[in-house]
């Protein structure tokens, strides 16, 4: 059984805090990253690198003095260091917003065009004077809508009972 082995007991022993992650120590650690290098001293990591786009300086400081960074296996916040400077990051974000808004406008235009085409096709099919939507189909849809509304009310009631709070489906 693994829990009775010496290896398991060694892993469960108290783990000493890394000296470089102790905010009182002044020992300097440093390492290279893909686009720059990191210095760690006095509970802070300072990244200095070059922007991928314009070769401008990228500087980021992160605090690593909290409890989550202490001890073996507690590396704390993990994430990439920035590859772009603030100006390039802002430009990329603006371009992305413009692309998304343009795509949304295009989708809206296509949806409106599809509705117009469907209305035109409906008008052409109704040109002979017969309704394309029978009363039986309309009654079936009305019954379905009533059933769905009842299911929504029941779900809201269950939600209120579970949470003891108002549901977005409640009537005001």
N, C-alpha and C. Protein backbone atom coordinates (compact mmCIF):
# COMPACT_ATOMS: atom_id res chain seq x y z
N UNK A 1 0.84 -1.18 0.00
CA UNK A 1 0.00 0.00 0.00
C UNK A 1 0.89 1.25 0.00
N UNK A 2 0.60 2.16 -0.93
CA UNK A 2 1.47 3.31 -1.16
C UNK A 2 1.59 4.22 0.06
N UNK A 3 0.51 4.39 0.81
CA UNK A 3 0.54 5.34 1.93
C UNK A 3 1.47 4.90 3.05
N UNK A 4 1.88 3.65 3.05
CA UNK A 4 2.77 3.16 4.11
C UNK A 4 4.24 3.19 3.68
N UNK A 5 4.50 3.63 2.46
CA UNK A 5 5.88 3.64 1.97
C UNK A 5 6.63 4.87 2.46
N UNK A 6 7.95 4.76 2.44
CA UNK A 6 8.79 5.88 2.85
C UNK A 6 8.65 7.04 1.86
N UNK A 7 8.49 6.72 0.59
CA UNK A 7 8.36 7.78 -0.41
C UNK A 7 7.14 8.64 -0.12
N UNK A 8 6.02 8.01 0.22
CA UNK A 8 4.81 8.77 0.53
C UNK A 8 5.03 9.64 1.76
N UNK A 9 5.67 9.08 2.79
CA UNK A 9 5.90 9.84 4.02
C UNK A 9 6.82 11.02 3.76
N UNK A 10 7.85 10.82 2.91
CA UNK A 10 8.74 11.93 2.55
C UNK A 10 7.97 13.02 1.82
N UNK A 11 7.07 12.64 0.94
CA UNK A 11 6.28 13.63 0.19
C UNK A 11 5.33 14.39 1.10
N UNK A 12 4.91 13.76 2.20
CA UNK A 12 3.98 14.42 3.10
C UNK A 12 4.67 15.28 4.15
N UNK A 13 5.99 15.16 4.28
CA UNK A 13 6.71 15.97 5.25
C UNK A 13 6.55 17.45 4.93
N UNK A 14 6.83 18.28 5.93
CA UNK A 14 6.75 19.73 5.74
C UNK A 14 7.76 20.14 4.68
N UNK A 15 7.32 20.95 3.78
CA UNK A 15 8.17 21.36 2.68
C UNK A 15 8.73 22.74 2.98
N UNK A 16 10.02 22.91 2.95
CA UNK A 16 10.60 24.22 3.24
C UNK A 16 10.26 25.21 2.13
N UNK A 17 10.11 26.46 2.53
CA UNK A 17 9.82 27.51 1.57
C UNK A 17 11.08 27.79 0.76
N UNK A 18 10.90 28.03 -0.52
CA UNK A 18 12.05 28.37 -1.35
C UNK A 18 12.64 29.69 -0.87
N UNK A 19 13.94 29.75 -0.77
CA UNK A 19 14.61 30.94 -0.26
C UNK A 19 14.34 32.15 -1.15
N UNK A 20 14.27 31.93 -2.46
CA UNK A 20 14.08 33.07 -3.36
C UNK A 20 12.66 33.61 -3.32
N UNK A 21 11.73 32.81 -2.78
CA UNK A 21 10.36 33.27 -2.71
C UNK A 21 10.03 33.87 -1.35
N UNK A 22 10.99 33.95 -0.48
CA UNK A 22 10.81 34.57 0.82
C UNK A 22 10.96 36.08 0.65
N UNK A 23 9.92 36.85 0.97
CA UNK A 23 10.00 38.28 0.71
C UNK A 23 11.08 39.00 1.52
N UNK A 24 11.59 38.38 2.60
CA UNK A 24 12.63 39.02 3.41
C UNK A 24 14.03 38.82 2.82
N UNK A 25 14.18 37.80 1.99
CA UNK A 25 15.50 37.50 1.41
C UNK A 25 15.76 38.44 0.24
N UNK A 26 17.02 38.68 -0.02
CA UNK A 26 17.40 39.56 -1.11
C UNK A 26 18.18 38.81 -2.19
N UNK A 27 18.07 37.50 -2.20
CA UNK A 27 18.78 36.71 -3.20
C UNK A 27 18.12 36.89 -4.57
N UNK A 28 18.92 37.08 -5.58
CA UNK A 28 18.42 37.32 -6.93
C UNK A 28 18.41 36.02 -7.72
N UNK A 29 17.29 35.73 -8.31
CA UNK A 29 17.19 34.61 -9.26
C UNK A 29 16.79 35.20 -10.60
N UNK A 30 17.23 34.60 -11.67
CA UNK A 30 16.84 35.09 -13.00
C UNK A 30 16.84 33.92 -13.97
N UNK A 31 16.03 34.03 -15.00
CA UNK A 31 15.96 33.02 -16.04
C UNK A 31 15.47 33.66 -17.32
N UNK A 32 15.76 32.98 -18.41
CA UNK A 32 15.39 33.46 -19.74
C UNK A 32 14.02 32.90 -20.12
N UNK A 33 13.27 33.67 -20.87
CA UNK A 33 12.00 33.22 -21.44
C UNK A 33 12.10 33.34 -22.95
N UNK A 34 11.01 33.07 -23.62
CA UNK A 34 11.02 33.09 -25.08
C UNK A 34 11.35 34.47 -25.65
N UNK A 35 10.81 35.53 -25.05
CA UNK A 35 11.00 36.86 -25.59
C UNK A 35 11.76 37.81 -24.66
N UNK A 36 12.31 37.32 -23.56
CA UNK A 36 13.00 38.22 -22.64
C UNK A 36 13.57 37.45 -21.46
N UNK A 37 13.67 38.09 -20.32
CA UNK A 37 14.17 37.43 -19.13
C UNK A 37 13.42 37.94 -17.90
N UNK A 38 13.47 37.13 -16.82
CA UNK A 38 12.76 37.41 -15.58
C UNK A 38 13.78 37.49 -14.45
N UNK A 39 13.66 38.50 -13.62
CA UNK A 39 14.44 38.61 -12.38
C UNK A 39 13.46 38.44 -11.23
N UNK A 40 13.87 37.65 -10.23
CA UNK A 40 13.03 37.47 -9.05
C UNK A 40 13.85 37.84 -7.83
N UNK A 41 13.34 38.81 -7.08
CA UNK A 41 14.01 39.23 -5.86
C UNK A 41 12.98 39.88 -4.95
N UNK A 42 13.12 39.67 -3.65
CA UNK A 42 12.27 40.29 -2.63
C UNK A 42 10.79 40.10 -2.90
N UNK A 43 10.41 38.90 -3.35
CA UNK A 43 8.99 38.60 -3.54
C UNK A 43 8.37 39.22 -4.77
N UNK A 44 9.18 39.63 -5.75
CA UNK A 44 8.66 40.23 -6.98
C UNK A 44 9.36 39.60 -8.17
N UNK A 45 8.60 39.36 -9.21
CA UNK A 45 9.17 38.91 -10.48
C UNK A 45 9.05 40.06 -11.46
N UNK A 46 10.14 40.39 -12.09
CA UNK A 46 10.17 41.50 -13.03
C UNK A 46 10.56 40.95 -14.38
N UNK A 47 9.65 41.07 -15.35
CA UNK A 47 9.89 40.58 -16.71
C UNK A 47 10.25 41.75 -17.60
N UNK A 48 11.29 41.56 -18.38
CA UNK A 48 11.69 42.58 -19.35
C UNK A 48 11.97 41.85 -20.66
N UNK A 49 11.27 42.26 -21.70
CA UNK A 49 11.43 41.61 -22.99
C UNK A 49 11.19 42.58 -24.12
N UNK A 50 11.18 42.04 -25.32
CA UNK A 50 10.96 42.86 -26.52
C UNK A 50 9.63 42.48 -27.15
N UNK A 51 8.92 43.48 -27.64
CA UNK A 51 7.64 43.27 -28.30
C UNK A 51 7.86 42.49 -29.60
N UNK A 52 6.99 41.54 -29.89
CA UNK A 52 7.10 40.74 -31.12
C UNK A 52 6.93 41.60 -32.37
N UNK A 53 6.10 42.63 -32.28
CA UNK A 53 5.74 43.41 -33.46
C UNK A 53 6.72 44.56 -33.70
N UNK A 54 6.94 45.36 -32.66
CA UNK A 54 7.70 46.60 -32.87
C UNK A 54 9.03 46.64 -32.13
N UNK A 55 9.42 45.59 -31.47
CA UNK A 55 10.67 45.52 -30.69
C UNK A 55 10.77 46.58 -29.61
N UNK A 56 9.64 47.08 -29.15
CA UNK A 56 9.64 48.02 -28.04
C UNK A 56 9.81 47.23 -26.73
N UNK A 57 10.11 47.90 -25.65
CA UNK A 57 10.33 47.24 -24.36
C UNK A 57 8.99 46.84 -23.75
N UNK A 58 8.94 45.60 -23.26
CA UNK A 58 7.78 45.09 -22.53
C UNK A 58 8.24 44.86 -21.10
N UNK A 59 7.55 45.48 -20.15
CA UNK A 59 7.93 45.37 -18.74
C UNK A 59 6.71 44.97 -17.93
N UNK A 60 6.85 43.95 -17.10
CA UNK A 60 5.75 43.50 -16.24
C UNK A 60 6.32 43.10 -14.89
N UNK A 61 5.63 43.49 -13.82
CA UNK A 61 6.04 43.16 -12.46
C UNK A 61 4.91 42.39 -11.81
N UNK A 62 5.25 41.26 -11.19
CA UNK A 62 4.25 40.45 -10.49
C UNK A 62 4.73 40.18 -9.07
N UNK A 63 3.80 40.26 -8.14
CA UNK A 63 4.09 40.00 -6.74
C UNK A 63 4.02 38.50 -6.50
N UNK A 64 5.06 37.90 -5.95
CA UNK A 64 5.07 36.47 -5.64
C UNK A 64 5.37 36.23 -4.17
N UNK A 65 5.01 37.17 -3.33
CA UNK A 65 5.32 37.04 -1.90
C UNK A 65 4.20 36.39 -1.11
N UNK A 66 3.05 36.11 -1.72
CA UNK A 66 1.91 35.58 -0.97
C UNK A 66 2.08 34.08 -0.72
N UNK A 67 1.19 33.55 0.11
CA UNK A 67 1.26 32.15 0.54
C UNK A 67 1.18 31.17 -0.62
N UNK A 68 0.43 31.52 -1.66
CA UNK A 68 0.23 30.56 -2.75
C UNK A 68 1.51 30.26 -3.51
N UNK A 69 2.55 31.08 -3.35
CA UNK A 69 3.81 30.86 -4.04
C UNK A 69 4.83 30.13 -3.18
N UNK A 70 4.48 29.79 -1.96
CA UNK A 70 5.46 29.21 -1.04
C UNK A 70 5.34 27.70 -1.00
N UNK A 71 6.45 27.04 -0.91
CA UNK A 71 6.48 25.60 -0.77
C UNK A 71 6.54 24.89 -2.11
N UNK A 72 7.05 23.69 -2.08
CA UNK A 72 7.19 22.91 -3.30
C UNK A 72 5.81 22.55 -3.85
N UNK A 73 5.63 22.72 -5.12
CA UNK A 73 4.37 22.39 -5.76
C UNK A 73 3.38 23.53 -5.74
N UNK A 74 3.70 24.65 -5.10
CA UNK A 74 2.81 25.80 -5.07
C UNK A 74 3.43 26.94 -5.87
N UNK A 75 3.40 26.79 -7.16
CA UNK A 75 4.02 27.80 -8.02
C UNK A 75 3.17 29.05 -8.11
N UNK A 76 1.93 28.97 -7.69
CA UNK A 76 1.06 30.14 -7.72
C UNK A 76 0.57 30.44 -9.12
N UNK A 77 0.39 31.71 -9.38
CA UNK A 77 -0.19 32.13 -10.65
C UNK A 77 0.72 31.74 -11.79
N UNK A 78 0.18 31.00 -12.71
CA UNK A 78 0.95 30.60 -13.88
C UNK A 78 0.30 31.24 -15.09
N UNK A 79 1.11 31.77 -15.93
CA UNK A 79 0.60 32.36 -17.14
C UNK A 79 1.76 32.88 -17.97
N UNK A 80 1.49 33.16 -19.21
CA UNK A 80 2.55 33.63 -20.08
C UNK A 80 2.91 35.07 -19.76
N UNK A 81 4.14 35.38 -19.99
CA UNK A 81 4.56 36.76 -19.91
C UNK A 81 4.11 37.44 -21.20
N UNK A 82 3.82 38.73 -21.15
CA UNK A 82 3.29 39.39 -22.35
C UNK A 82 4.32 39.41 -23.48
N UNK A 83 3.85 39.16 -24.69
CA UNK A 83 4.72 39.17 -25.86
C UNK A 83 4.58 40.49 -26.62
N UNK A 84 3.57 41.29 -26.29
CA UNK A 84 3.33 42.55 -26.99
C UNK A 84 3.41 43.72 -26.00
N UNK A 85 3.87 44.85 -26.50
CA UNK A 85 3.89 46.05 -25.67
C UNK A 85 2.45 46.58 -25.54
N UNK A 86 2.26 47.55 -24.66
CA UNK A 86 0.91 48.06 -24.42
C UNK A 86 0.28 48.64 -25.69
N UNK A 87 1.05 49.38 -26.49
CA UNK A 87 0.52 49.97 -27.70
C UNK A 87 0.07 48.92 -28.71
N UNK A 88 0.89 47.91 -28.94
CA UNK A 88 0.53 46.84 -29.89
C UNK A 88 -0.65 46.02 -29.37
N UNK A 89 -0.68 45.79 -28.05
CA UNK A 89 -1.79 45.04 -27.46
C UNK A 89 -3.10 45.80 -27.65
N UNK A 90 -3.06 47.11 -27.44
CA UNK A 90 -4.26 47.94 -27.61
C UNK A 90 -4.69 47.97 -29.08
N UNK A 91 -3.72 48.10 -30.00
CA UNK A 91 -4.06 48.08 -31.43
C UNK A 91 -4.69 46.75 -31.83
N UNK A 92 -4.12 45.64 -31.34
CA UNK A 92 -4.66 44.32 -31.67
C UNK A 92 -6.08 44.18 -31.12
N UNK A 93 -6.31 44.68 -29.91
CA UNK A 93 -7.64 44.60 -29.32
C UNK A 93 -8.64 45.42 -30.13
N UNK A 94 -8.24 46.63 -30.54
CA UNK A 94 -9.13 47.47 -31.36
C UNK A 94 -9.45 46.80 -32.69
N UNK A 95 -8.43 46.22 -33.35
CA UNK A 95 -8.65 45.53 -34.62
C UNK A 95 -9.61 44.36 -34.43
N UNK A 96 -9.44 43.64 -33.34
CA UNK A 96 -10.33 42.50 -33.06
C UNK A 96 -11.76 42.98 -32.86
N UNK A 97 -11.93 44.07 -32.11
CA UNK A 97 -13.28 44.62 -31.92
C UNK A 97 -13.89 45.06 -33.24
N UNK A 98 -13.10 45.69 -34.09
CA UNK A 98 -13.60 46.13 -35.40
C UNK A 98 -13.99 44.93 -36.25
N UNK A 99 -13.15 43.88 -36.26
CA UNK A 99 -13.48 42.68 -37.04
C UNK A 99 -14.77 42.04 -36.55
N UNK A 100 -14.90 41.94 -35.21
CA UNK A 100 -16.12 41.32 -34.66
C UNK A 100 -17.35 42.15 -34.96
N UNK A 101 -17.25 43.47 -34.85
CA UNK A 101 -18.43 44.30 -35.13
C UNK A 101 -18.77 44.25 -36.62
N UNK A 102 -17.76 44.19 -37.50
CA UNK A 102 -18.03 44.07 -38.93
C UNK A 102 -18.70 42.73 -39.23
N UNK A 103 -18.24 41.66 -38.60
CA UNK A 103 -18.85 40.34 -38.81
C UNK A 103 -20.29 40.34 -38.30
N UNK A 104 -20.54 41.02 -37.18
CA UNK A 104 -21.90 41.09 -36.65
C UNK A 104 -22.81 41.88 -37.60
N UNK A 105 -22.31 43.00 -38.11
CA UNK A 105 -23.10 43.77 -39.07
C UNK A 105 -23.41 42.95 -40.32
N UNK A 106 -22.42 42.21 -40.81
CA UNK A 106 -22.63 41.38 -42.00
C UNK A 106 -23.68 40.30 -41.72
N UNK A 107 -23.58 39.66 -40.55
CA UNK A 107 -24.56 38.63 -40.20
C UNK A 107 -25.96 39.23 -40.08
N UNK A 108 -26.06 40.44 -39.52
CA UNK A 108 -27.36 41.09 -39.41
C UNK A 108 -27.93 41.40 -40.79
N UNK A 109 -27.07 41.92 -41.69
CA UNK A 109 -27.54 42.20 -43.06
C UNK A 109 -28.02 40.93 -43.74
N UNK A 110 -27.27 39.83 -43.58
CA UNK A 110 -27.68 38.56 -44.21
C UNK A 110 -28.99 38.06 -43.62
N UNK A 111 -29.15 38.21 -42.29
CA UNK A 111 -30.39 37.76 -41.65
C UNK A 111 -31.58 38.56 -42.16
N UNK A 112 -31.41 39.88 -42.29
CA UNK A 112 -32.50 40.73 -42.80
C UNK A 112 -32.82 40.37 -44.25
N UNK A 113 -31.77 40.14 -45.05
CA UNK A 113 -31.99 39.75 -46.45
C UNK A 113 -32.72 38.41 -46.52
N UNK A 114 -32.36 37.46 -45.66
CA UNK A 114 -33.05 36.17 -45.64
C UNK A 114 -34.51 36.34 -45.27
N UNK A 115 -34.80 37.21 -44.30
CA UNK A 115 -36.20 37.45 -43.91
C UNK A 115 -36.98 38.04 -45.07
N UNK A 116 -36.37 39.00 -45.77
CA UNK A 116 -37.05 39.61 -46.92
C UNK A 116 -37.31 38.57 -48.00
N UNK A 117 -36.31 37.73 -48.24
CA UNK A 117 -36.48 36.69 -49.27
C UNK A 117 -37.57 35.71 -48.87
N UNK A 118 -37.60 35.34 -47.58
CA UNK A 118 -38.65 34.43 -47.12
C UNK A 118 -40.03 35.08 -47.26
N UNK A 119 -40.12 36.36 -46.93
CA UNK A 119 -41.40 37.06 -47.06
C UNK A 119 -41.83 37.13 -48.53
N UNK A 120 -40.87 37.37 -49.41
CA UNK A 120 -41.18 37.43 -50.84
C UNK A 120 -41.65 36.05 -51.34
N UNK A 121 -40.94 34.98 -50.90
CA UNK A 121 -41.35 33.63 -51.30
C UNK A 121 -42.72 33.29 -50.74
N UNK A 122 -43.00 33.72 -49.51
CA UNK A 122 -44.31 33.48 -48.90
C UNK A 122 -45.39 34.20 -49.68
N UNK A 123 -45.09 35.43 -50.10
CA UNK A 123 -46.08 36.19 -50.87
C UNK A 123 -46.32 35.53 -52.22
N UNK A 124 -45.28 35.02 -52.86
CA UNK A 124 -45.45 34.34 -54.15
C UNK A 124 -46.25 33.06 -53.99
N UNK A 125 -46.00 32.31 -52.89
CA UNK A 125 -46.74 31.06 -52.70
C UNK A 125 -48.19 31.33 -52.35
N UNK A 126 -48.48 32.50 -51.75
CA UNK A 126 -49.85 32.84 -51.40
C UNK A 126 -50.57 33.57 -52.53
N UNK A 127 -49.92 33.71 -53.66
CA UNK A 127 -50.52 34.45 -54.77
C UNK A 127 -51.76 33.74 -55.31
N UNK A 128 -51.84 32.43 -55.12
CA UNK A 128 -53.02 31.71 -55.62
C UNK A 128 -54.22 31.87 -54.69
N UNK A 129 -54.03 32.50 -53.53
CA UNK A 129 -55.16 32.79 -52.65
C UNK A 129 -55.38 31.79 -51.55
N UNK A 130 -54.70 30.67 -51.57
CA UNK A 130 -54.86 29.68 -50.51
C UNK A 130 -53.87 29.96 -49.38
N UNK A 131 -54.30 29.87 -48.13
CA UNK A 131 -53.35 30.11 -47.03
C UNK A 131 -52.33 28.98 -46.95
N UNK A 132 -51.10 29.34 -46.73
CA UNK A 132 -50.06 28.32 -46.62
C UNK A 132 -50.00 27.75 -45.20
N UNK A 133 -50.64 28.44 -44.27
CA UNK A 133 -50.61 28.03 -42.87
C UNK A 133 -52.02 27.63 -42.48
N UNK A 134 -52.25 26.36 -42.27
CA UNK A 134 -53.61 25.91 -41.98
C UNK A 134 -53.97 26.22 -40.53
N UNK A 135 -55.27 26.21 -40.26
CA UNK A 135 -55.74 26.48 -38.90
C UNK A 135 -55.28 25.39 -37.94
N UNK A 136 -55.15 24.16 -38.43
CA UNK A 136 -54.70 23.05 -37.59
C UNK A 136 -53.25 23.27 -37.16
N UNK A 137 -52.43 23.73 -38.10
CA UNK A 137 -51.03 23.99 -37.75
C UNK A 137 -50.93 25.15 -36.76
N UNK A 138 -51.76 26.17 -36.94
CA UNK A 138 -51.75 27.31 -36.02
C UNK A 138 -52.18 26.87 -34.62
N UNK A 139 -53.19 26.00 -34.53
CA UNK A 139 -53.65 25.51 -33.24
C UNK A 139 -52.57 24.66 -32.57
N UNK A 140 -51.89 23.83 -33.38
CA UNK A 140 -50.81 23.02 -32.82
C UNK A 140 -49.70 23.90 -32.25
N UNK A 141 -49.35 24.95 -32.98
CA UNK A 141 -48.29 25.83 -32.50
C UNK A 141 -48.72 26.57 -31.23
N UNK A 142 -49.97 27.00 -31.18
CA UNK A 142 -50.47 27.67 -29.99
C UNK A 142 -50.43 26.73 -28.78
N UNK A 143 -50.80 25.48 -29.00
CA UNK A 143 -50.76 24.49 -27.92
C UNK A 143 -49.33 24.25 -27.45
N UNK A 144 -48.41 24.18 -28.42
CA UNK A 144 -47.00 24.00 -28.05
C UNK A 144 -46.50 25.17 -27.23
N UNK A 145 -46.84 26.39 -27.65
CA UNK A 145 -46.40 27.57 -26.92
C UNK A 145 -46.97 27.59 -25.50
N UNK A 146 -48.22 27.19 -25.35
CA UNK A 146 -48.82 27.13 -24.02
C UNK A 146 -48.11 26.09 -23.16
N UNK A 147 -47.77 24.94 -23.76
CA UNK A 147 -47.07 23.89 -23.02
C UNK A 147 -45.68 24.37 -22.59
N UNK A 148 -44.99 25.06 -23.48
CA UNK A 148 -43.66 25.56 -23.14
C UNK A 148 -43.73 26.61 -22.04
N UNK A 149 -44.73 27.46 -22.09
CA UNK A 149 -44.88 28.48 -21.06
C UNK A 149 -45.14 27.83 -19.70
N UNK A 150 -45.96 26.77 -19.69
CA UNK A 150 -46.23 26.05 -18.45
C UNK A 150 -44.96 25.40 -17.92
N UNK A 151 -44.15 24.81 -18.80
CA UNK A 151 -42.89 24.20 -18.37
C UNK A 151 -41.95 25.26 -17.80
N UNK A 152 -41.92 26.44 -18.41
CA UNK A 152 -41.09 27.53 -17.88
C UNK A 152 -41.55 27.95 -16.49
N UNK A 153 -42.86 28.03 -16.30
CA UNK A 153 -43.38 28.41 -14.98
C UNK A 153 -43.01 27.35 -13.93
N UNK A 154 -43.12 26.08 -14.31
CA UNK A 154 -42.77 25.01 -13.36
C UNK A 154 -41.29 25.03 -13.04
N UNK A 155 -40.46 25.28 -14.04
CA UNK A 155 -39.01 25.35 -13.80
C UNK A 155 -38.69 26.52 -12.88
N UNK A 156 -39.36 27.65 -13.08
CA UNK A 156 -39.13 28.81 -12.23
C UNK A 156 -39.56 28.51 -10.80
N UNK A 157 -40.65 27.79 -10.65
CA UNK A 157 -41.12 27.43 -9.31
C UNK A 157 -40.10 26.52 -8.61
N UNK A 158 -39.58 25.53 -9.34
CA UNK A 158 -38.57 24.65 -8.76
C UNK A 158 -37.32 25.43 -8.39
N UNK A 159 -36.96 26.36 -9.23
CA UNK A 159 -35.79 27.21 -8.97
C UNK A 159 -35.98 28.00 -7.69
N UNK A 160 -37.17 28.60 -7.53
CA UNK A 160 -37.46 29.38 -6.32
C UNK A 160 -37.41 28.49 -5.09
N UNK A 161 -37.96 27.29 -5.19
CA UNK A 161 -37.97 26.39 -4.05
C UNK A 161 -36.55 25.97 -3.67
N UNK A 162 -35.71 25.72 -4.67
CA UNK A 162 -34.34 25.30 -4.41
C UNK A 162 -33.51 26.43 -3.84
N UNK A 163 -33.62 27.59 -4.42
CA UNK A 163 -32.74 28.71 -4.07
C UNK A 163 -33.34 29.66 -3.04
N UNK A 164 -34.64 29.64 -2.89
CA UNK A 164 -35.27 30.56 -1.98
C UNK A 164 -35.16 31.99 -2.45
N UNK A 165 -35.14 32.17 -3.76
CA UNK A 165 -35.01 33.51 -4.30
C UNK A 165 -35.84 33.64 -5.56
N UNK A 166 -35.93 34.85 -6.05
CA UNK A 166 -36.75 35.09 -7.22
C UNK A 166 -36.06 34.59 -8.47
N UNK A 167 -36.83 34.17 -9.41
CA UNK A 167 -36.32 33.66 -10.68
C UNK A 167 -36.45 34.72 -11.76
N UNK A 168 -35.62 34.66 -12.79
CA UNK A 168 -35.79 35.61 -13.89
C UNK A 168 -37.11 35.42 -14.62
N UNK A 169 -37.77 34.26 -14.41
CA UNK A 169 -39.05 34.00 -15.07
C UNK A 169 -40.25 34.51 -14.29
N UNK A 170 -40.00 35.00 -13.06
CA UNK A 170 -41.10 35.50 -12.24
C UNK A 170 -41.75 36.73 -12.86
N UNK A 171 -43.03 36.83 -12.65
CA UNK A 171 -43.74 38.04 -13.07
C UNK A 171 -43.55 39.11 -12.00
N UNK A 172 -43.36 40.31 -12.40
CA UNK A 172 -43.15 41.41 -11.42
C UNK A 172 -44.47 42.03 -11.07
